N, C-alpha and C. Protein backbone atom coordinates (compact mmCIF):
# COMPACT_ATOMS: atom_id res chain seq x y z
N MET A 1 92.60 119.53 108.21
CA MET A 1 92.17 118.43 107.36
C MET A 1 92.10 117.16 108.18
N THR A 2 91.03 116.39 108.03
CA THR A 2 90.90 115.11 108.70
C THR A 2 90.75 114.04 107.65
N GLN A 3 91.42 112.91 107.86
CA GLN A 3 91.32 111.81 106.91
C GLN A 3 91.41 110.50 107.67
N ASN A 4 90.51 109.55 107.34
CA ASN A 4 90.65 108.21 107.89
C ASN A 4 90.60 107.21 106.76
N THR A 5 91.16 106.04 107.01
CA THR A 5 91.20 104.99 105.98
C THR A 5 90.69 103.69 106.57
N ALA A 6 89.56 103.77 107.25
CA ALA A 6 88.98 102.57 107.87
C ALA A 6 88.58 101.57 106.81
N SER A 7 88.66 100.30 107.18
CA SER A 7 88.23 99.24 106.27
C SER A 7 87.29 98.32 107.01
N HIS A 8 86.59 97.47 106.29
CA HIS A 8 85.58 96.57 106.85
C HIS A 8 85.61 95.29 106.05
N PRO A 9 85.57 94.12 106.70
CA PRO A 9 85.70 92.87 105.98
C PRO A 9 84.62 92.61 104.97
N GLY A 10 83.45 93.24 105.11
CA GLY A 10 82.37 93.01 104.17
C GLY A 10 82.35 94.00 103.03
N ALA A 11 83.39 94.80 102.90
CA ALA A 11 83.36 95.91 101.96
C ALA A 11 83.28 95.46 100.51
N ALA A 12 83.74 94.24 100.20
CA ALA A 12 83.76 93.79 98.80
C ALA A 12 82.38 93.43 98.29
N HIS A 13 81.43 93.24 99.17
CA HIS A 13 80.11 92.79 98.76
C HIS A 13 79.24 94.01 98.48
N ARG A 14 79.21 94.45 97.24
CA ARG A 14 78.46 95.63 96.83
C ARG A 14 77.13 95.20 96.23
N THR A 15 76.17 96.11 96.30
CA THR A 15 74.93 95.89 95.60
C THR A 15 75.13 96.22 94.12
N ALA A 16 74.16 95.79 93.30
CA ALA A 16 74.29 96.01 91.86
C ALA A 16 74.25 97.50 91.51
N ALA A 17 73.47 98.25 92.27
CA ALA A 17 73.33 99.68 91.98
C ALA A 17 74.59 100.44 92.39
N ASN A 18 74.88 101.49 91.66
CA ASN A 18 76.01 102.35 91.98
C ASN A 18 75.48 103.51 92.81
N ARG A 19 75.57 103.39 94.12
CA ARG A 19 74.93 104.36 94.99
C ARG A 19 75.96 105.41 95.43
N THR A 20 76.37 106.20 94.47
CA THR A 20 77.34 107.25 94.71
C THR A 20 76.77 108.58 94.24
N ALA A 21 77.37 109.65 94.70
CA ALA A 21 76.96 110.98 94.25
C ALA A 21 78.11 111.95 94.47
N GLU A 22 78.14 112.97 93.65
CA GLU A 22 79.06 114.09 93.82
C GLU A 22 78.30 115.37 93.54
N VAL A 23 78.28 116.28 94.51
CA VAL A 23 77.49 117.51 94.42
C VAL A 23 78.37 118.69 94.78
N GLU A 24 78.24 119.76 94.01
CA GLU A 24 78.90 121.02 94.33
C GLU A 24 77.84 122.09 94.58
N ARG A 25 78.11 122.92 95.57
CA ARG A 25 77.22 124.05 95.89
C ARG A 25 78.09 125.29 96.03
N ASN A 26 77.85 126.26 95.19
CA ASN A 26 78.65 127.48 95.20
C ASN A 26 77.75 128.70 95.41
N THR A 27 78.04 129.46 96.44
CA THR A 27 77.30 130.69 96.71
C THR A 27 78.32 131.80 96.95
N LEU A 28 77.84 133.00 97.21
CA LEU A 28 78.73 134.11 97.54
C LEU A 28 79.39 133.91 98.90
N GLU A 29 78.85 132.99 99.71
CA GLU A 29 79.38 132.77 101.06
C GLU A 29 80.26 131.53 101.16
N THR A 30 79.93 130.49 100.39
CA THR A 30 80.67 129.22 100.51
C THR A 30 80.79 128.54 99.16
N GLN A 31 81.81 127.68 99.08
CA GLN A 31 81.98 126.76 97.95
C GLN A 31 82.19 125.37 98.55
N ILE A 32 81.24 124.49 98.30
CA ILE A 32 81.23 123.17 98.94
C ILE A 32 81.23 122.09 97.87
N ARG A 33 81.98 121.03 98.12
CA ARG A 33 81.94 119.82 97.28
C ARG A 33 81.82 118.61 98.20
N VAL A 34 80.84 117.74 97.89
CA VAL A 34 80.64 116.51 98.64
C VAL A 34 80.60 115.34 97.67
N ALA A 35 81.42 114.33 97.92
CA ALA A 35 81.35 113.06 97.19
C ALA A 35 81.12 111.96 98.22
N LEU A 36 80.19 111.06 97.92
CA LEU A 36 79.91 109.98 98.86
C LEU A 36 79.62 108.68 98.14
N ASP A 37 79.84 107.59 98.85
CA ASP A 37 79.53 106.25 98.39
C ASP A 37 78.83 105.55 99.54
N LEU A 38 77.53 105.25 99.36
CA LEU A 38 76.75 104.64 100.43
C LEU A 38 77.21 103.22 100.74
N ASP A 39 77.89 102.58 99.82
CA ASP A 39 78.36 101.21 100.01
C ASP A 39 79.87 101.18 100.16
N GLY A 40 80.38 102.13 100.92
CA GLY A 40 81.81 102.27 101.10
C GLY A 40 82.34 101.44 102.25
N THR A 41 83.51 101.84 102.73
CA THR A 41 84.18 101.13 103.81
C THR A 41 84.42 102.01 105.03
N GLY A 42 83.88 103.23 105.02
CA GLY A 42 84.04 104.13 106.15
C GLY A 42 85.19 105.10 106.01
N ARG A 43 85.68 105.29 104.79
CA ARG A 43 86.77 106.23 104.58
C ARG A 43 86.24 107.66 104.61
N GLY A 44 86.99 108.55 105.23
CA GLY A 44 86.61 109.96 105.28
C GLY A 44 87.77 110.87 104.97
N SER A 45 87.53 111.90 104.19
CA SER A 45 88.54 112.92 103.90
C SER A 45 87.84 114.27 103.95
N PHE A 46 88.34 115.17 104.78
CA PHE A 46 87.64 116.43 105.04
C PHE A 46 88.63 117.59 105.05
N ARG A 47 88.30 118.62 104.28
CA ARG A 47 89.10 119.83 104.22
C ARG A 47 88.11 120.99 104.23
N THR A 48 87.73 121.43 105.43
CA THR A 48 86.65 122.40 105.57
C THR A 48 87.05 123.66 106.32
N GLY A 49 88.15 123.63 107.03
CA GLY A 49 88.51 124.76 107.87
C GLY A 49 87.80 124.78 109.21
N VAL A 50 86.99 123.73 109.48
CA VAL A 50 86.25 123.65 110.75
C VAL A 50 86.61 122.31 111.40
N PRO A 51 87.68 122.25 112.17
CA PRO A 51 88.19 120.97 112.66
C PRO A 51 87.20 120.15 113.47
N PHE A 52 86.42 120.79 114.34
CA PHE A 52 85.49 120.00 115.15
C PHE A 52 84.42 119.35 114.28
N LEU A 53 83.91 120.06 113.28
CA LEU A 53 82.92 119.46 112.39
C LEU A 53 83.55 118.30 111.62
N GLU A 54 84.81 118.44 111.21
CA GLU A 54 85.48 117.34 110.52
C GLU A 54 85.54 116.10 111.41
N HIS A 55 85.83 116.29 112.68
CA HIS A 55 85.86 115.18 113.64
C HIS A 55 84.49 114.51 113.72
N MET A 56 83.42 115.30 113.69
CA MET A 56 82.08 114.74 113.75
C MET A 56 81.72 114.02 112.43
N LEU A 57 82.07 114.61 111.31
CA LEU A 57 81.80 113.97 110.01
C LEU A 57 82.54 112.65 109.88
N ASP A 58 83.72 112.58 110.48
CA ASP A 58 84.48 111.34 110.46
C ASP A 58 83.72 110.22 111.19
N GLN A 59 82.97 110.58 112.22
CA GLN A 59 82.15 109.59 112.93
C GLN A 59 81.06 109.04 112.01
N VAL A 60 80.45 109.92 111.21
CA VAL A 60 79.40 109.49 110.28
C VAL A 60 79.97 108.52 109.26
N ALA A 61 81.11 108.86 108.69
CA ALA A 61 81.73 107.98 107.69
C ALA A 61 82.08 106.63 108.29
N ARG A 62 82.78 106.63 109.39
CA ARG A 62 83.29 105.39 109.97
C ARG A 62 82.16 104.50 110.47
N HIS A 63 81.21 105.07 111.18
CA HIS A 63 80.14 104.26 111.78
C HIS A 63 79.02 103.97 110.79
N GLY A 64 78.89 104.81 109.75
CA GLY A 64 77.90 104.55 108.71
C GLY A 64 78.42 103.70 107.58
N LEU A 65 79.74 103.39 107.59
CA LEU A 65 80.38 102.69 106.47
C LEU A 65 80.07 103.39 105.15
N ILE A 66 80.14 104.71 105.20
CA ILE A 66 79.94 105.57 104.03
C ILE A 66 81.27 106.23 103.71
N ASP A 67 81.71 106.16 102.47
CA ASP A 67 82.89 106.91 102.06
C ASP A 67 82.47 108.36 101.82
N LEU A 68 83.17 109.28 102.49
CA LEU A 68 82.82 110.70 102.42
C LEU A 68 84.06 111.51 102.09
N ASP A 69 83.93 112.38 101.10
CA ASP A 69 85.00 113.32 100.76
C ASP A 69 84.34 114.70 100.67
N ILE A 70 84.70 115.57 101.60
CA ILE A 70 84.05 116.89 101.68
C ILE A 70 85.12 117.97 101.72
N THR A 71 84.99 118.93 100.81
CA THR A 71 85.84 120.11 100.83
C THR A 71 84.96 121.34 100.91
N ALA A 72 85.46 122.35 101.59
CA ALA A 72 84.67 123.58 101.76
C ALA A 72 85.59 124.77 101.90
N GLN A 73 85.18 125.86 101.29
CA GLN A 73 85.78 127.16 101.52
C GLN A 73 84.63 128.11 101.84
N GLY A 74 84.73 128.76 102.99
CA GLY A 74 83.64 129.64 103.40
C GLY A 74 84.15 130.89 104.07
N ASP A 75 83.21 131.73 104.45
CA ASP A 75 83.55 133.01 105.06
C ASP A 75 83.83 132.84 106.56
N LEU A 76 84.86 132.06 106.85
CA LEU A 76 85.19 131.77 108.24
C LEU A 76 85.74 133.00 108.98
N HIS A 77 86.10 134.03 108.23
CA HIS A 77 86.52 135.28 108.88
C HIS A 77 85.35 135.94 109.60
N ILE A 78 84.12 135.57 109.21
CA ILE A 78 82.92 136.05 109.92
C ILE A 78 82.64 135.10 111.08
N ASP A 79 82.25 133.89 110.75
CA ASP A 79 82.14 132.77 111.69
C ASP A 79 81.90 131.51 110.87
N ALA A 80 81.64 130.39 111.55
CA ALA A 80 81.51 129.11 110.84
C ALA A 80 80.08 128.80 110.41
N HIS A 81 79.15 129.71 110.67
CA HIS A 81 77.74 129.41 110.45
C HIS A 81 77.44 128.98 109.02
N HIS A 82 77.81 129.82 108.04
CA HIS A 82 77.46 129.51 106.65
C HIS A 82 78.14 128.23 106.17
N THR A 83 79.38 128.03 106.59
CA THR A 83 80.11 126.84 106.16
C THR A 83 79.47 125.57 106.71
N VAL A 84 79.16 125.56 107.98
CA VAL A 84 78.56 124.36 108.61
C VAL A 84 77.19 124.08 108.02
N GLU A 85 76.35 125.10 107.91
CA GLU A 85 75.01 124.91 107.35
C GLU A 85 75.07 124.43 105.91
N ASP A 86 75.94 125.02 105.11
CA ASP A 86 75.99 124.67 103.69
C ASP A 86 76.61 123.29 103.47
N ILE A 87 77.49 122.85 104.35
CA ILE A 87 77.96 121.47 104.28
C ILE A 87 76.80 120.52 104.54
N GLY A 88 75.96 120.83 105.52
CA GLY A 88 74.77 120.01 105.77
C GLY A 88 73.84 119.97 104.57
N ILE A 89 73.62 121.12 103.94
CA ILE A 89 72.76 121.18 102.76
C ILE A 89 73.32 120.33 101.63
N THR A 90 74.61 120.47 101.36
CA THR A 90 75.22 119.77 100.24
C THR A 90 75.30 118.27 100.51
N LEU A 91 75.60 117.89 101.74
CA LEU A 91 75.59 116.47 102.10
C LEU A 91 74.19 115.88 101.93
N GLY A 92 73.18 116.64 102.32
CA GLY A 92 71.80 116.17 102.12
C GLY A 92 71.47 115.98 100.66
N GLN A 93 71.89 116.91 99.81
CA GLN A 93 71.65 116.77 98.37
C GLN A 93 72.34 115.54 97.80
N ALA A 94 73.58 115.29 98.24
CA ALA A 94 74.32 114.13 97.76
C ALA A 94 73.67 112.84 98.24
N LEU A 95 73.23 112.82 99.47
CA LEU A 95 72.57 111.63 100.01
C LEU A 95 71.31 111.30 99.23
N ARG A 96 70.50 112.33 98.95
CA ARG A 96 69.26 112.10 98.20
C ARG A 96 69.56 111.60 96.79
N GLN A 97 70.59 112.16 96.17
CA GLN A 97 70.95 111.73 94.82
C GLN A 97 71.45 110.28 94.82
N ALA A 98 72.27 109.92 95.79
CA ALA A 98 72.81 108.56 95.84
C ALA A 98 71.73 107.52 96.11
N LEU A 99 70.70 107.88 96.85
CA LEU A 99 69.63 106.93 97.18
C LEU A 99 68.71 106.64 96.00
N GLY A 100 68.65 107.54 95.03
CA GLY A 100 67.82 107.31 93.86
C GLY A 100 66.36 107.13 94.24
N ASP A 101 65.71 106.10 93.68
CA ASP A 101 64.28 105.90 93.95
C ASP A 101 64.02 105.10 95.23
N LYS A 102 65.07 104.70 95.93
CA LYS A 102 64.99 104.05 97.25
C LYS A 102 64.35 102.67 97.22
N ARG A 103 64.24 102.09 96.05
CA ARG A 103 63.67 100.74 96.00
C ARG A 103 64.57 99.75 96.72
N GLY A 104 63.96 98.87 97.49
CA GLY A 104 64.67 97.76 98.11
C GLY A 104 65.45 98.08 99.36
N ILE A 105 65.36 99.31 99.88
CA ILE A 105 66.12 99.65 101.09
C ILE A 105 65.26 99.40 102.34
N ARG A 106 65.93 99.39 103.48
CA ARG A 106 65.19 99.20 104.74
C ARG A 106 64.35 100.42 105.10
N ARG A 107 64.78 101.59 104.72
CA ARG A 107 64.11 102.88 104.92
C ARG A 107 64.26 103.41 106.34
N TYR A 108 64.05 102.61 107.35
CA TYR A 108 64.13 103.06 108.73
C TYR A 108 65.43 102.58 109.39
N GLY A 109 65.95 103.40 110.27
CA GLY A 109 67.10 102.99 111.07
C GLY A 109 67.13 103.74 112.38
N HIS A 110 67.64 103.08 113.40
CA HIS A 110 67.80 103.76 114.68
C HIS A 110 69.04 103.23 115.39
N ALA A 111 69.58 104.04 116.27
CA ALA A 111 70.76 103.63 117.03
C ALA A 111 70.82 104.40 118.34
N TYR A 112 71.24 103.68 119.38
CA TYR A 112 71.64 104.29 120.65
C TYR A 112 73.15 104.16 120.74
N VAL A 113 73.82 105.25 121.09
CA VAL A 113 75.28 105.21 121.22
C VAL A 113 75.70 105.91 122.51
N PRO A 114 76.47 105.22 123.36
CA PRO A 114 77.03 105.85 124.55
C PRO A 114 78.48 106.28 124.32
N LEU A 115 78.92 107.24 125.08
CA LEU A 115 80.33 107.58 125.20
C LEU A 115 80.52 108.04 126.63
N ASP A 116 81.10 107.17 127.43
CA ASP A 116 81.26 107.43 128.86
C ASP A 116 79.90 107.79 129.46
N GLU A 117 79.76 109.01 129.98
CA GLU A 117 78.52 109.38 130.67
C GLU A 117 77.39 109.79 129.73
N ALA A 118 77.70 110.00 128.45
CA ALA A 118 76.72 110.53 127.50
C ALA A 118 76.04 109.39 126.74
N LEU A 119 74.78 109.61 126.39
CA LEU A 119 74.00 108.63 125.63
C LEU A 119 73.05 109.38 124.71
N SER A 120 73.06 109.02 123.43
CA SER A 120 72.16 109.65 122.46
C SER A 120 71.43 108.60 121.64
N ARG A 121 70.25 108.99 121.18
CA ARG A 121 69.42 108.14 120.30
C ARG A 121 69.10 108.92 119.04
N VAL A 122 69.28 108.27 117.89
CA VAL A 122 68.93 108.88 116.61
C VAL A 122 68.08 107.89 115.83
N VAL A 123 66.98 108.41 115.27
CA VAL A 123 66.06 107.61 114.46
C VAL A 123 65.90 108.28 113.11
N VAL A 124 66.05 107.49 112.04
CA VAL A 124 66.00 108.00 110.67
C VAL A 124 64.86 107.32 109.92
N ASP A 125 64.14 108.10 109.14
CA ASP A 125 63.16 107.58 108.18
C ASP A 125 63.43 108.28 106.85
N LEU A 126 63.81 107.50 105.85
CA LEU A 126 64.06 108.06 104.52
C LEU A 126 62.73 108.25 103.81
N SER A 127 61.93 109.14 104.34
CA SER A 127 60.51 109.25 104.04
C SER A 127 60.20 110.07 102.80
N GLY A 128 61.17 110.90 102.36
CA GLY A 128 60.87 111.87 101.32
C GLY A 128 60.22 113.13 101.86
N ARG A 129 60.07 113.20 103.20
CA ARG A 129 59.47 114.37 103.84
C ARG A 129 60.46 114.94 104.86
N PRO A 130 60.91 116.16 104.69
CA PRO A 130 61.89 116.72 105.62
C PRO A 130 61.26 117.09 106.96
N MET A 131 61.81 116.53 108.03
CA MET A 131 61.36 116.86 109.38
C MET A 131 62.49 116.56 110.35
N LEU A 132 62.90 117.57 111.11
CA LEU A 132 63.92 117.40 112.14
C LEU A 132 63.31 117.67 113.50
N THR A 133 63.47 116.71 114.41
CA THR A 133 63.15 116.91 115.82
C THR A 133 64.45 116.77 116.58
N TYR A 134 64.86 117.84 117.22
CA TYR A 134 66.21 117.93 117.79
C TYR A 134 66.09 118.30 119.26
N ASN A 135 66.31 117.34 120.13
CA ASN A 135 66.20 117.55 121.57
C ASN A 135 67.57 117.37 122.21
N VAL A 136 68.32 118.45 122.24
CA VAL A 136 69.68 118.42 122.78
C VAL A 136 69.90 119.67 123.61
N SER A 137 70.30 119.49 124.85
CA SER A 137 70.68 120.62 125.71
C SER A 137 72.15 120.44 126.08
N TYR A 138 73.00 121.15 125.36
CA TYR A 138 74.43 121.03 125.61
C TYR A 138 74.79 121.68 126.94
N THR A 139 75.79 121.11 127.58
CA THR A 139 76.19 121.62 128.90
C THR A 139 77.05 122.87 128.80
N ARG A 140 77.53 123.19 127.60
CA ARG A 140 78.22 124.47 127.40
C ARG A 140 78.01 124.92 125.96
N ALA A 141 78.23 126.20 125.73
CA ALA A 141 77.93 126.79 124.42
C ALA A 141 79.03 126.56 123.40
N LEU A 142 80.26 126.34 123.86
CA LEU A 142 81.39 126.18 122.95
C LEU A 142 82.10 124.87 123.26
N ILE A 143 82.50 124.18 122.19
CA ILE A 143 83.42 123.05 122.31
C ILE A 143 84.71 123.53 121.67
N GLY A 144 85.68 123.88 122.48
CA GLY A 144 86.82 124.62 121.95
C GLY A 144 86.32 125.97 121.46
N ALA A 145 86.52 126.24 120.16
CA ALA A 145 86.02 127.48 119.56
C ALA A 145 84.74 127.24 118.77
N PHE A 146 84.22 126.02 118.79
CA PHE A 146 83.06 125.67 117.96
C PHE A 146 81.76 125.95 118.70
N ASP A 147 80.86 126.68 118.06
CA ASP A 147 79.55 127.03 118.61
C ASP A 147 78.60 125.84 118.44
N VAL A 148 78.14 125.26 119.54
CA VAL A 148 77.30 124.05 119.46
C VAL A 148 75.96 124.31 118.77
N ASP A 149 75.50 125.56 118.72
CA ASP A 149 74.25 125.87 118.02
C ASP A 149 74.33 125.49 116.54
N LEU A 150 75.54 125.48 115.98
CA LEU A 150 75.70 125.19 114.56
C LEU A 150 75.41 123.73 114.23
N LEU A 151 75.44 122.84 115.21
CA LEU A 151 75.15 121.44 114.93
C LEU A 151 73.69 121.25 114.53
N GLN A 152 72.79 121.98 115.16
CA GLN A 152 71.39 121.92 114.74
C GLN A 152 71.22 122.49 113.34
N GLU A 153 71.95 123.56 113.02
CA GLU A 153 71.88 124.12 111.67
C GLU A 153 72.37 123.10 110.64
N PHE A 154 73.43 122.36 110.96
CA PHE A 154 73.93 121.31 110.08
C PHE A 154 72.85 120.27 109.81
N PHE A 155 72.24 119.77 110.87
CA PHE A 155 71.24 118.71 110.70
C PHE A 155 69.97 119.24 110.04
N GLN A 156 69.62 120.51 110.27
CA GLN A 156 68.45 121.07 109.60
C GLN A 156 68.69 121.16 108.10
N GLY A 157 69.86 121.64 107.71
CA GLY A 157 70.19 121.70 106.28
C GLY A 157 70.19 120.32 105.65
N LEU A 158 70.79 119.36 106.32
CA LEU A 158 70.84 117.99 105.80
C LEU A 158 69.43 117.41 105.65
N THR A 159 68.63 117.57 106.69
CA THR A 159 67.27 117.02 106.68
C THR A 159 66.44 117.62 105.56
N ASN A 160 66.49 118.93 105.40
CA ASN A 160 65.70 119.60 104.37
C ASN A 160 66.05 119.11 102.98
N HIS A 161 67.32 118.89 102.72
CA HIS A 161 67.76 118.61 101.35
C HIS A 161 67.89 117.12 101.05
N ALA A 162 68.00 116.30 102.08
CA ALA A 162 67.93 114.85 101.88
C ALA A 162 66.49 114.37 101.88
N ALA A 163 65.58 115.23 102.33
CA ALA A 163 64.15 114.88 102.44
C ALA A 163 63.98 113.63 103.29
N LEU A 164 64.47 113.72 104.51
CA LEU A 164 64.31 112.61 105.45
C LEU A 164 63.74 113.12 106.76
N THR A 165 63.21 112.21 107.55
CA THR A 165 62.72 112.50 108.89
C THR A 165 63.80 112.06 109.86
N LEU A 166 64.17 112.95 110.79
CA LEU A 166 65.29 112.69 111.67
C LEU A 166 64.92 113.12 113.09
N HIS A 167 64.99 112.18 114.01
CA HIS A 167 64.76 112.46 115.42
C HIS A 167 66.08 112.27 116.16
N ILE A 168 66.54 113.33 116.81
CA ILE A 168 67.80 113.31 117.55
C ILE A 168 67.51 113.65 119.00
N ASP A 169 67.88 112.75 119.91
CA ASP A 169 67.68 112.97 121.33
C ASP A 169 68.96 112.64 122.08
N ASN A 170 69.52 113.65 122.75
CA ASN A 170 70.58 113.37 123.70
C ASN A 170 69.92 113.05 125.03
N LEU A 171 70.05 111.82 125.47
CA LEU A 171 69.31 111.36 126.65
C LEU A 171 70.00 111.75 127.95
N ARG A 172 71.34 111.84 127.90
CA ARG A 172 72.07 112.30 129.08
C ARG A 172 73.50 112.63 128.67
N GLY A 173 74.17 113.36 129.52
CA GLY A 173 75.55 113.71 129.27
C GLY A 173 75.94 114.99 129.98
N SER A 174 77.16 115.01 130.50
CA SER A 174 77.66 116.21 131.18
C SER A 174 78.83 116.84 130.44
N ASN A 175 79.37 116.15 129.45
CA ASN A 175 80.48 116.66 128.64
C ASN A 175 79.96 116.96 127.25
N ALA A 176 80.03 118.22 126.83
CA ALA A 176 79.43 118.63 125.56
C ALA A 176 80.07 117.92 124.36
N HIS A 177 81.37 117.69 124.42
CA HIS A 177 82.02 116.94 123.33
C HIS A 177 81.45 115.54 123.24
N HIS A 178 81.28 114.89 124.37
CA HIS A 178 80.69 113.55 124.38
C HIS A 178 79.26 113.57 123.86
N GLN A 179 78.49 114.57 124.26
CA GLN A 179 77.12 114.68 123.77
C GLN A 179 77.10 114.74 122.24
N ALA A 180 77.90 115.63 121.68
CA ALA A 180 77.92 115.79 120.22
C ALA A 180 78.41 114.52 119.54
N GLU A 181 79.45 113.91 120.08
CA GLU A 181 80.02 112.74 119.42
C GLU A 181 79.04 111.57 119.42
N THR A 182 78.31 111.38 120.50
CA THR A 182 77.32 110.29 120.50
C THR A 182 76.23 110.55 119.47
N ILE A 183 75.86 111.80 119.26
CA ILE A 183 74.84 112.13 118.26
C ILE A 183 75.32 111.76 116.86
N PHE A 184 76.53 112.13 116.51
CA PHE A 184 77.03 111.87 115.16
C PHE A 184 77.31 110.39 114.94
N LYS A 185 77.80 109.70 115.97
CA LYS A 185 78.00 108.26 115.84
C LYS A 185 76.65 107.55 115.65
N ALA A 186 75.66 107.95 116.44
CA ALA A 186 74.34 107.33 116.33
C ALA A 186 73.70 107.65 114.98
N PHE A 187 73.91 108.87 114.49
CA PHE A 187 73.38 109.21 113.17
C PHE A 187 74.00 108.32 112.10
N GLY A 188 75.31 108.15 112.14
CA GLY A 188 75.97 107.29 111.17
C GLY A 188 75.43 105.87 111.20
N ARG A 189 75.26 105.32 112.39
CA ARG A 189 74.78 103.94 112.50
C ARG A 189 73.32 103.80 112.11
N ALA A 190 72.50 104.77 112.46
CA ALA A 190 71.09 104.73 112.06
C ALA A 190 70.96 104.86 110.54
N LEU A 191 71.75 105.75 109.95
CA LEU A 191 71.70 105.93 108.51
C LEU A 191 72.18 104.67 107.80
N ARG A 192 73.21 104.04 108.33
CA ARG A 192 73.73 102.78 107.75
C ARG A 192 72.62 101.73 107.65
N ILE A 193 71.82 101.61 108.70
CA ILE A 193 70.72 100.64 108.69
C ILE A 193 69.67 101.05 107.67
N ALA A 194 69.30 102.33 107.66
CA ALA A 194 68.21 102.79 106.80
C ALA A 194 68.51 102.63 105.32
N VAL A 195 69.78 102.84 104.92
CA VAL A 195 70.11 102.77 103.49
C VAL A 195 70.44 101.35 103.03
N GLU A 196 70.55 100.42 103.96
CA GLU A 196 70.90 99.05 103.58
C GLU A 196 69.85 98.42 102.67
N PRO A 197 70.27 97.68 101.66
CA PRO A 197 69.32 96.89 100.88
C PRO A 197 68.71 95.80 101.77
N ASP A 198 67.40 95.65 101.68
CA ASP A 198 66.68 94.62 102.43
C ASP A 198 66.45 93.45 101.49
N PRO A 199 67.08 92.29 101.71
CA PRO A 199 66.95 91.19 100.76
C PRO A 199 65.51 90.69 100.60
N ARG A 200 64.68 90.90 101.59
CA ARG A 200 63.28 90.47 101.49
C ARG A 200 62.44 91.47 100.70
N MET A 201 62.94 92.70 100.61
CA MET A 201 62.19 93.74 99.92
C MET A 201 62.37 93.64 98.41
N GLY A 202 63.51 93.10 97.97
CA GLY A 202 63.75 93.00 96.54
C GLY A 202 63.81 94.38 95.91
N GLU A 203 63.04 94.60 94.85
CA GLU A 203 63.01 95.89 94.16
C GLU A 203 61.78 96.70 94.52
N VAL A 204 61.12 96.31 95.60
CA VAL A 204 59.89 96.99 96.03
C VAL A 204 60.25 98.28 96.79
N THR A 205 59.49 99.33 96.58
CA THR A 205 59.65 100.56 97.35
C THR A 205 59.00 100.36 98.71
N PRO A 206 59.71 100.62 99.83
CA PRO A 206 59.16 100.38 101.16
C PRO A 206 58.14 101.43 101.58
N SER A 207 57.04 101.49 100.85
CA SER A 207 55.96 102.43 101.18
C SER A 207 54.68 101.95 100.51
N THR A 208 53.56 102.06 101.22
CA THR A 208 52.28 101.72 100.62
C THR A 208 51.88 102.70 99.51
N LYS A 209 52.55 103.87 99.51
CA LYS A 209 52.28 104.85 98.45
C LYS A 209 52.93 104.45 97.12
N GLY A 210 53.94 103.57 97.22
CA GLY A 210 54.65 103.16 96.02
C GLY A 210 55.78 104.09 95.63
N THR A 211 56.01 105.14 96.43
CA THR A 211 57.10 106.08 96.14
C THR A 211 57.53 106.73 97.44
N LEU A 212 58.79 107.15 97.48
CA LEU A 212 59.33 107.86 98.63
C LEU A 212 60.02 109.13 98.15
């Protein structure tokens, strides 16, 4: 279990909308619950049975200033694949629900994040169209006991169900843990920008189509 209680001095300034969601996904393979608050303070609580993924999700909460509470029970006696993928799916569903009609948000966000020798770039568009471009070559296949291939499965599930466009590029890095951590930190920061209310946008949908 991973839990953080980060705070931020601007946390009291909330938008009028209640941008929260709670989603449950139950299958024969996994039982997942995700609760989030897009206007949170960066608090994270995770009980998934996958410690490395919890460490990465904590980066999203803290750097995205999103309150995240995720619990999961899955068929970890087989491997972590179904649990990791289904957490991504359920998080994507919760994110889409919390965003509502997306009026007045910035829509786009990007971030570059370094960690020692590693550097990653993540670009987000809350477009309503699922598309993942994932350019990451990890320097090893396992981080501890965690299979790095599952990180792409996580982001694919999230992208499909949040209906967003996501470009992830690890630009350099020789330590696989650092590579992964820069990706999740950059994702949190890019998402934080994209979901922010834009005071100049007012209640307008940021699209010439009039909908996202």
